[in-house]
């Protein structure tokens, strides 16, 4: 069982001491002394400093939000660029399969032909949408 005893010096003193005695695990008391210095509070100054701290915290949060939004937009642009590259590569590969002749099954050639026709338009649409949005 732990016992705690605190002796607190009233704030009217210049410096105070808090003495804590707790029973350690071996049954021996452990002593710890904490110095307490009273701080005079001026209500208007502390209120103003609290308001100033709140405003500066809001500004830093606002700046952080802006930075994170810009970072998200940058990552989105990168991912769209990667998608454009992949669509272009897929269109080229689809064209190769469509022109591959008898080595490829008829259904695969037909599907590849359609993709080779559609993907360049899809890529163009994606680029236009990305320029307008980002």
Protein backbone atom coordinates (compact mmCIF):
# COMPACT_ATOMS: atom_id res chain seq x y z
CA UNK A 1 0.00 0.00 0.00
CA UNK A 2 1.37 3.43 -0.95
CA UNK A 3 1.27 6.40 1.36
CA UNK A 4 1.72 9.90 0.05
CA UNK A 5 2.27 12.95 2.22
CA UNK A 6 2.53 16.43 0.75
CA UNK A 7 3.65 19.48 2.67
CA UNK A 8 2.81 22.62 0.73
CA UNK A 9 4.14 26.04 1.67
CA UNK A 10 1.51 28.78 1.22
CA UNK A 11 1.94 31.02 -1.85
CA UNK A 12 2.66 34.04 0.33
CA UNK A 13 6.19 32.74 0.86
CA UNK A 14 8.89 33.66 -1.67
CA UNK A 15 9.72 30.06 -2.43
CA UNK A 16 8.05 26.91 -1.35
CA UNK A 17 8.81 23.27 -0.97
CA UNK A 18 6.60 20.29 -1.59
CA UNK A 19 7.84 17.21 0.15
CA UNK A 20 6.45 13.89 -0.95
CA UNK A 21 7.02 10.67 0.93
CA UNK A 22 5.94 7.46 -0.74
CA UNK A 23 6.48 3.91 0.25
CA UNK A 24 8.83 2.20 -2.16
CA UNK A 25 8.55 -1.38 -3.31
CA UNK A 26 10.77 -2.63 -0.48
CA UNK A 27 8.70 -0.98 2.25
CA UNK A 28 11.19 1.85 2.64
CA UNK A 29 9.99 5.41 2.21
CA UNK A 30 11.19 7.24 -0.86
CA UNK A 31 11.67 10.99 -0.41
CA UNK A 32 11.35 13.56 -3.14
CA UNK A 33 11.42 17.31 -2.68
CA UNK A 34 9.88 19.60 -5.29
CA UNK A 35 10.53 23.34 -5.15
CA UNK A 36 7.47 25.45 -5.83
CA UNK A 37 7.77 29.12 -6.69
CA UNK A 38 4.52 31.12 -6.70
CA UNK A 39 3.92 33.14 -9.85
CA UNK A 40 1.87 36.34 -9.56
CA UNK A 41 -0.90 36.40 -12.13
CA UNK A 42 -2.15 39.61 -13.63
CA UNK A 43 -5.51 38.73 -15.14
CA UNK A 44 -5.39 41.15 -18.09
CA UNK A 45 -1.82 40.25 -19.07
CA UNK A 46 -2.39 36.51 -18.76
CA UNK A 47 -5.63 36.79 -20.71
CA UNK A 48 -3.90 38.79 -23.44
CA UNK A 49 -1.01 36.32 -23.60
CA UNK A 50 -3.53 33.48 -23.86
CA UNK A 51 -5.27 35.28 -26.73
CA UNK A 52 -1.92 35.93 -28.43
CA UNK A 53 -0.92 32.28 -28.04
CA UNK A 54 -4.26 31.16 -29.47
CA UNK A 55 -3.94 33.47 -32.47
CA UNK A 56 -0.38 32.35 -33.18
CA UNK A 57 -1.47 28.71 -32.86
CA UNK A 58 -4.25 29.35 -35.36
CA UNK A 59 -1.83 30.98 -37.76
CA UNK A 60 0.53 28.07 -37.55
CA UNK A 61 -2.34 25.65 -38.08
CA UNK A 62 -3.51 27.67 -41.06
CA UNK A 63 -0.04 27.63 -42.52
CA UNK A 64 0.18 23.90 -41.88
CA UNK A 65 -3.16 23.29 -43.60
CA UNK A 66 -2.02 25.31 -46.62
CA UNK A 67 1.27 23.42 -46.77
CA UNK A 68 -0.48 20.05 -46.53
CA UNK A 69 -2.99 21.05 -49.22
CA UNK A 70 -0.18 22.08 -51.54
CA UNK A 71 1.63 18.82 -50.83
CA UNK A 72 -1.54 16.83 -51.57
CA UNK A 73 -2.03 18.70 -54.85
CA UNK A 74 1.58 18.07 -55.81
CA UNK A 75 1.21 14.35 -55.10
CA UNK A 76 -2.02 14.28 -57.11
CA UNK A 77 -0.26 15.91 -60.07
CA UNK A 78 2.53 13.33 -59.84
CA UNK A 79 0.07 10.46 -59.77
CA UNK A 80 -1.88 11.83 -62.73
CA UNK A 81 1.39 12.18 -64.66
CA UNK A 82 2.20 8.55 -63.89
CA UNK A 83 -1.28 7.52 -65.05
CA UNK A 84 -0.78 9.44 -68.30
CA UNK A 85 2.47 7.56 -68.92
CA UNK A 86 0.79 4.22 -68.20
CA UNK A 87 -2.19 4.98 -70.45
CA UNK A 88 0.16 5.97 -73.27
CA UNK A 89 2.22 2.79 -72.82
CA UNK A 90 -0.96 0.69 -72.71
CA UNK A 91 -2.22 2.29 -75.93
CA UNK A 92 1.08 1.51 -77.67
CA UNK A 93 1.03 -2.09 -76.44
CA UNK A 94 -2.61 -2.48 -77.49
CA UNK A 95 -1.71 -1.22 -80.96
CA UNK A 96 1.14 -3.76 -81.20
CA UNK A 97 -1.20 -6.61 -80.20
CA UNK A 98 -3.89 -5.42 -82.61
CA UNK A 99 -1.34 -5.47 -85.44
CA UNK A 100 0.26 -8.72 -84.24
CA UNK A 101 -1.52 -10.95 -86.70
CA UNK A 102 -2.21 -14.65 -86.23
CA UNK A 103 0.08 -14.94 -83.19
CA UNK A 104 -2.69 -13.43 -81.03
CA UNK A 105 -6.25 -14.75 -80.66
CA UNK A 106 -8.91 -12.93 -82.67
CA UNK A 107 -10.73 -11.68 -79.54
CA UNK A 108 -7.52 -10.27 -78.05
CA UNK A 109 -6.67 -8.48 -81.30
CA UNK A 110 -10.16 -6.98 -81.54
CA UNK A 111 -10.15 -5.82 -77.92
CA UNK A 112 -6.64 -4.39 -78.36
CA UNK A 113 -7.74 -2.56 -81.50
CA UNK A 114 -10.61 -0.91 -79.57
CA UNK A 115 -8.28 0.02 -76.74
CA UNK A 116 -5.72 1.43 -79.18
CA UNK A 117 -8.48 3.64 -80.61
CA UNK A 118 -9.99 4.74 -77.28
CA UNK A 119 -6.97 5.23 -75.05
CA UNK A 120 -5.42 8.21 -76.90
CA UNK A 121 -8.74 10.10 -76.57
CA UNK A 122 -8.98 9.08 -72.92
CA UNK A 123 -5.45 10.35 -72.37
CA UNK A 124 -6.25 13.65 -74.04
CA UNK A 125 -9.38 14.06 -71.88
CA UNK A 126 -7.41 13.27 -68.73
CA UNK A 127 -4.81 15.91 -69.60
CA UNK A 128 -7.48 18.56 -70.19
CA UNK A 129 -9.28 17.75 -66.93
CA UNK A 130 -6.01 17.75 -64.99
CA UNK A 131 -5.00 21.17 -66.37
CA UNK A 132 -8.36 22.68 -65.40
CA UNK A 133 -8.48 21.16 -61.93
CA UNK A 134 -4.88 21.34 -60.79
